Amino acid sequence: MSLAAEAALIEARIRMLQEAIDKADTHIEVVSEALRHLRRPAPRPRLTAG
């Protein structure tokens, strides 16, 4: 295999890995936001006179 062909193969793999990393980053952001939402204290119910 020529060096140019090997370089092209490596570049393609790098692109695939970068896409996988980007997807993982997005998933981590979504899960982190969901966890932040779950950790927020629940609003206290308002007491009404009656």
PDB file of N, CA and C in Angstrom:
ATOM      1  N   MET A   1       0.862  -1.176   0.000  1.00  0.00           N
ATOM      2  CA  MET A   1       0.000   0.000   0.000  1.00  0.00           C
ATOM      3  C   MET A   1       0.902   1.231   0.000  1.00  0.00           C
ATOM      4  N   SER A   2       0.559   2.196  -0.819  1.00  0.00           N
ATOM      5  CA  SER A   2       1.370   3.404  -0.904  1.00  0.00           C
ATOM      6  C   SER A   2       1.139   4.297   0.312  1.00  0.00           C
ATOM      7  N   LEU A   3       2.083   5.175   0.548  1.00  0.00           N
ATOM      8  CA  LEU A   3       1.949   6.113   1.666  1.00  0.00           C
ATOM      9  C   LEU A   3       0.719   7.000   1.493  1.00  0.00           C
ATOM     10  N   ALA A   4       0.423   7.399   0.278  1.00  0.00           N
ATOM     11  CA  ALA A   4      -0.746   8.247   0.024  1.00  0.00           C
ATOM     12  C   ALA A   4      -2.031   7.503   0.361  1.00  0.00           C
ATOM     13  N   ALA A   5      -2.086   6.213  -0.001  1.00  0.00           N
ATOM     14  CA  ALA A   5      -3.277   5.419   0.300  1.00  0.00           C
ATOM     15  C   ALA A   5      -3.412   5.218   1.809  1.00  0.00           C
ATOM     16  N   GLU A   6      -2.300   4.960   2.495  1.00  0.00           N
ATOM     17  CA  GLU A   6      -2.340   4.820   3.952  1.00  0.00           C
ATOM     18  C   GLU A   6      -2.782   6.115   4.619  1.00  0.00           C
ATOM     19  N   ALA A   7      -2.279   7.230   4.127  1.00  0.00           N
ATOM     20  CA  ALA A   7      -2.648   8.532   4.683  1.00  0.00           C
ATOM     21  C   ALA A   7      -4.141   8.786   4.493  1.00  0.00           C
ATOM     22  N   ALA A   8      -4.655   8.457   3.329  1.00  0.00           N
ATOM     23  CA  ALA A   8      -6.082   8.644   3.067  1.00  0.00           C
ATOM     24  C   ALA A   8      -6.921   7.770   3.997  1.00  0.00           C
ATOM     25  N   LEU A   9      -6.477   6.541   4.226  1.00  0.00           N
ATOM     26  CA  LEU A   9      -7.186   5.635   5.125  1.00  0.00           C
ATOM     27  C   LEU A   9      -7.168   6.175   6.556  1.00  0.00           C
ATOM     28  N   ILE A  10      -6.020   6.640   6.989  1.00  0.00           N
ATOM     29  CA  ILE A  10      -5.910   7.203   8.341  1.00  0.00           C
ATOM     30  C   ILE A  10      -6.784   8.442   8.481  1.00  0.00           C
ATOM     31  N   GLU A  11      -6.789   9.298   7.484  1.00  0.00           N
ATOM     32  CA  GLU A  11      -7.632  10.499   7.534  1.00  0.00           C
ATOM     33  C   GLU A  11      -9.107  10.129   7.615  1.00  0.00           C
ATOM     34  N   ALA A  12      -9.515   9.097   6.880  1.00  0.00           N
ATOM     35  CA  ALA A  12     -10.910   8.658   6.933  1.00  0.00           C
ATOM     36  C   ALA A  12     -11.249   8.140   8.324  1.00  0.00           C
ATOM     37  N   ARG A  13     -10.344   7.393   8.916  1.00  0.00           N
ATOM     38  CA  ARG A  13     -10.573   6.883  10.274  1.00  0.00           C
ATOM     39  C   ARG A  13     -10.632   8.018  11.285  1.00  0.00           C
ATOM     40  N   ILE A  14      -9.771   9.007  11.101  1.00  0.00           N
ATOM     41  CA  ILE A  14      -9.799  10.179  11.999  1.00  0.00           C
ATOM     42  C   ILE A  14     -11.142  10.874  11.907  1.00  0.00           C
ATOM     43  N   ARG A  15     -11.660  11.038  10.705  1.00  0.00           N
ATOM     44  CA  ARG A  15     -12.980  11.675  10.540  1.00  0.00           C
ATOM     45  C   ARG A  15     -14.070  10.862  11.237  1.00  0.00           C
ATOM     46  N   MET A  16     -14.011   9.541  11.080  1.00  0.00           N
ATOM     47  CA  MET A  16     -15.007   8.684  11.730  1.00  0.00           C
ATOM     48  C   MET A  16     -14.915   8.796  13.248  1.00  0.00           C
ATOM     49  N   LEU A  17     -13.701   8.795  13.770  1.00  0.00           N
ATOM     50  CA  LEU A  17     -13.518   8.926  15.216  1.00  0.00           C
ATOM     51  C   LEU A  17     -13.988  10.286  15.714  1.00  0.00           C
ATOM     52  N   GLN A  18     -13.713  11.347  14.951  1.00  0.00           N
ATOM     53  CA  GLN A  18     -14.149  12.680  15.349  1.00  0.00           C
ATOM     54  C   GLN A  18     -15.671  12.763  15.379  1.00  0.00           C
ATOM     55  N   GLU A  19     -16.331  12.148  14.408  1.00  0.00           N
ATOM     56  CA  GLU A  19     -17.792  12.122  14.401  1.00  0.00           C
ATOM     57  C   GLU A  19     -18.324  11.367  15.620  1.00  0.00           C
ATOM     58  N   ALA A  20     -17.686  10.256  15.957  1.00  0.00           N
ATOM     59  CA  ALA A  20     -18.109   9.486  17.128  1.00  0.00           C
ATOM     60  C   ALA A  20     -17.898  10.297  18.407  1.00  0.00           C
ATOM     61  N   ILE A  21     -16.793  11.006  18.488  1.00  0.00           N
ATOM     62  CA  ILE A  21     -16.525  11.858  19.654  1.00  0.00           C
ATOM     63  C   ILE A  21     -17.566  12.965  19.742  1.00  0.00           C
ATOM     64  N   ASP A  22     -17.885  13.577  18.621  1.00  0.00           N
ATOM     65  CA  ASP A  22     -18.896  14.642  18.618  1.00  0.00           C
ATOM     66  C   ASP A  22     -20.250  14.120  19.087  1.00  0.00           C
ATOM     67  N   LYS A  23     -20.635  12.930  18.637  1.00  0.00           N
ATOM     68  CA  LYS A  23     -21.898  12.333  19.075  1.00  0.00           C
ATOM     69  C   LYS A  23     -21.872  12.050  20.575  1.00  0.00           C
ATOM     70  N   ALA A  24     -20.746  11.537  21.062  1.00  0.00           N
ATOM     71  CA  ALA A  24     -20.616  11.262  22.498  1.00  0.00           C
ATOM     72  C   ALA A  24     -20.691  12.560  23.298  1.00  0.00           C
ATOM     73  N   ASP A  25     -20.047  13.616  22.816  1.00  0.00           N
ATOM     74  CA  ASP A  25     -20.105  14.913  23.497  1.00  0.00           C
ATOM     75  C   ASP A  25     -21.539  15.423  23.577  1.00  0.00           C
ATOM     76  N   THR A  26     -22.268  15.298  22.484  1.00  0.00           N
ATOM     77  CA  THR A  26     -23.660  15.733  22.463  1.00  0.00           C
ATOM     78  C   THR A  26     -24.484  14.927  23.457  1.00  0.00           C
ATOM     79  N   HIS A  27     -24.266  13.626  23.486  1.00  0.00           N
ATOM     80  CA  HIS A  27     -24.998  12.761  24.411  1.00  0.00           C
ATOM     81  C   HIS A  27     -24.672  13.141  25.863  1.00  0.00           C
ATOM     82  N   ILE A  28     -23.416  13.403  26.140  1.00  0.00           N
ATOM     83  CA  ILE A  28     -23.009  13.806  27.491  1.00  0.00           C
ATOM     84  C   ILE A  28     -23.691  15.115  27.873  1.00  0.00           C
ATOM     85  N   GLU A  29     -23.764  16.063  26.961  1.00  0.00           N
ATOM     86  CA  GLU A  29     -24.424  17.347  27.236  1.00  0.00           C
ATOM     87  C   GLU A  29     -25.901  17.140  27.548  1.00  0.00           C
ATOM     88  N   VAL A  30     -26.578  16.285  26.779  1.00  0.00           N
ATOM     89  CA  VAL A  30     -28.001  16.020  26.995  1.00  0.00           C
ATOM     90  C   VAL A  30     -28.223  15.368  28.359  1.00  0.00           C
ATOM     91  N   VAL A  31     -27.398  14.377  28.679  1.00  0.00           N
ATOM     92  CA  VAL A  31     -27.542  13.687  29.957  1.00  0.00           C
ATOM     93  C   VAL A  31     -27.214  14.638  31.112  1.00  0.00           C
ATOM     94  N   SER A  32     -26.193  15.443  30.959  1.00  0.00           N
ATOM     95  CA  SER A  32     -25.825  16.401  32.007  1.00  0.00           C
ATOM     96  C   SER A  32     -26.956  17.383  32.269  1.00  0.00           C
ATOM     97  N   GLU A  33     -27.587  17.869  31.217  1.00  0.00           N
ATOM     98  CA  GLU A  33     -28.706  18.802  31.390  1.00  0.00           C
ATOM     99  C   GLU A  33     -29.870  18.111  32.086  1.00  0.00           C
ATOM    100  N   ALA A  34     -30.140  16.875  31.721  1.00  0.00           N
ATOM    101  CA  ALA A  34     -31.218  16.132  32.379  1.00  0.00           C
ATOM    102  C   ALA A  34     -30.913  15.948  33.861  1.00  0.00           C
ATOM    103  N   LEU A  35     -29.666  15.645  34.193  1.00  0.00           N
ATOM    104  CA  LEU A  35     -29.293  15.487  35.599  1.00  0.00           C
ATOM    105  C   LEU A  35     -29.409  16.806  36.357  1.00  0.00           C
ATOM    106  N   ARG A  36     -28.987  17.910  35.725  1.00  0.00           N
ATOM    107  CA  ARG A  36     -29.138  19.223  36.374  1.00  0.00           C
ATOM    108  C   ARG A  36     -30.607  19.509  36.656  1.00  0.00           C
ATOM    109  N   HIS A  37     -31.447  19.155  35.697  1.00  0.00           N
ATOM    110  CA  HIS A  37     -32.878  19.385  35.864  1.00  0.00           C
ATOM    111  C   HIS A  37     -33.415  18.545  37.027  1.00  0.00           C
ATOM    112  N   LEU A  38     -32.986  17.312  37.135  1.00  0.00           N
ATOM    113  CA  LEU A  38     -33.463  16.432  38.199  1.00  0.00           C
ATOM    114  C   LEU A  38     -32.964  16.876  39.572  1.00  0.00           C
ATOM    115  N   ARG A  39     -31.822  17.521  39.620  1.00  0.00           N
ATOM    116  CA  ARG A  39     -31.248  17.944  40.899  1.00  0.00           C
ATOM    117  C   ARG A  39     -31.853  19.245  41.414  1.00  0.00           C
ATOM    118  N   ARG A  40     -32.558  19.976  40.552  1.00  0.00           N
ATOM    119  CA  ARG A  40     -33.171  21.239  40.994  1.00  0.00           C
ATOM    120  C   ARG A  40     -34.226  20.947  42.045  1.00  0.00           C
ATOM    121  N   PRO A  41     -34.276  21.786  43.068  1.00  0.00           N
ATOM    122  CA  PRO A  41     -35.313  21.563  44.078  1.00  0.00           C
ATOM    123  C   PRO A  41     -36.699  21.780  43.467  1.00  0.00           C
ATOM    124  N   ALA A  42     -37.627  20.979  43.932  1.00  0.00           N
ATOM    125  CA  ALA A  42     -39.007  21.111  43.443  1.00  0.00           C
ATOM    126  C   ALA A  42     -39.588  22.396  44.003  1.00  0.00           C
ATOM    127  N   PRO A  43     -40.412  23.069  43.221  1.00  0.00           N
ATOM    128  CA  PRO A  43     -41.044  24.293  43.741  1.00  0.00           C
ATOM    129  C   PRO A  43     -41.944  23.958  44.913  1.00  0.00           C
ATOM    130  N   ARG A  44     -41.918  24.840  45.905  1.00  0.00           N
ATOM    131  CA  ARG A  44     -42.774  24.627  47.082  1.00  0.00           C
ATOM    132  C   ARG A  44     -44.203  25.004  46.731  1.00  0.00           C
ATOM    133  N   PRO A  45     -45.155  24.211  47.217  1.00  0.00           N
ATOM    134  CA  PRO A  45     -46.557  24.573  46.948  1.00  0.00           C
ATOM    135  C   PRO A  45     -46.927  25.847  47.717  1.00  0.00           C
ATOM    136  N   ARG A  46     -47.742  26.655  47.080  1.00  0.00           N
ATOM    137  CA  ARG A  46     -48.193  27.900  47.730  1.00  0.00           C
ATOM    138  C   ARG A  46     -49.324  27.586  48.687  1.00  0.00           C
ATOM    139  N   LEU A  47     -49.245  28.177  49.825  1.00  0.00           N
ATOM    140  CA  LEU A  47     -50.332  28.034  50.798  1.00  0.00           C
ATOM    141  C   LEU A  47     -51.373  29.089  50.502  1.00  0.00           C
ATOM    142  N   THR A  48     -52.612  28.668  50.436  1.00  0.00           N
ATOM    143  CA  THR A  48     -53.688  29.617  50.161  1.00  0.00           C
ATOM    144  C   THR A  48     -54.590  29.702  51.383  1.00  0.00           C
ATOM    145  N   ALA A  49     -55.026  30.898  51.666  1.00  0.00           N
ATOM    146  CA  ALA A  49     -55.929  31.088  52.799  1.00  0.00           C
ATOM    147  C   ALA A  49     -57.314  30.602  52.384  1.00  0.00           C
ATOM    148  N   GLY A  50     -57.964  29.897  53.274  1.00  0.00           N
ATOM    149  CA  GLY A  50     -59.262  29.437  52.853  1.00  0.00           C
ATOM    150  C   GLY A  50     -59.965  28.622  53.798  1.00  0.00           C
TER     151      GLY A  50
END
